[in-house]
Amino acid sequence: QVQLVESGGGLGQAGGSLKLSCAASGRSFSNYVMGWFRQAPGKEREFVAAVSWSVRVRSTYYSDSVKGRFTISRDNARNTVNLQMNSLKPEDTAVYYCAAGIMTIARMGSALQYDYWGQGTQVTVSS
């Protein structure tokens, strides 16, 4: 079992930055792919970013909408995964969810592959 708790959401301005953190508890955190998803009102949950489990096979994957603006990172020693969000846009407004699962790198963008989810944290970007 893995429990996930997000923090760091809030109000940001267009062009500004916010950082989200996800604290994981439970065993074998380092074995899991860690991802961030988001869901805006009236829209389906969408993939944002993911980072693989292995230091040797470290791989990050981003949606086209955030590539070049957001950076995902993980600290296996502290059981945390972070999402640094720069150059924010109003369309980044959503509830952001941290997720964990075991999967191949090719499947990191699929929400169906993640077994554990946090409760979500609201990010609102004003124009």
Foldseek 3Di string as FASTA:
>chain_A
DKAKAKDWADEAAQQAKTKMKIAIDDPDLLQKKKFKWWDDPPGDIFGAKIWHRDPVPTDIDGDPVQPPFWDWDDDPVRRMIMIIGGNDDQVVWTWMKMFIAHDDPVCSGDPVRTDYIYPTDTHGYHD
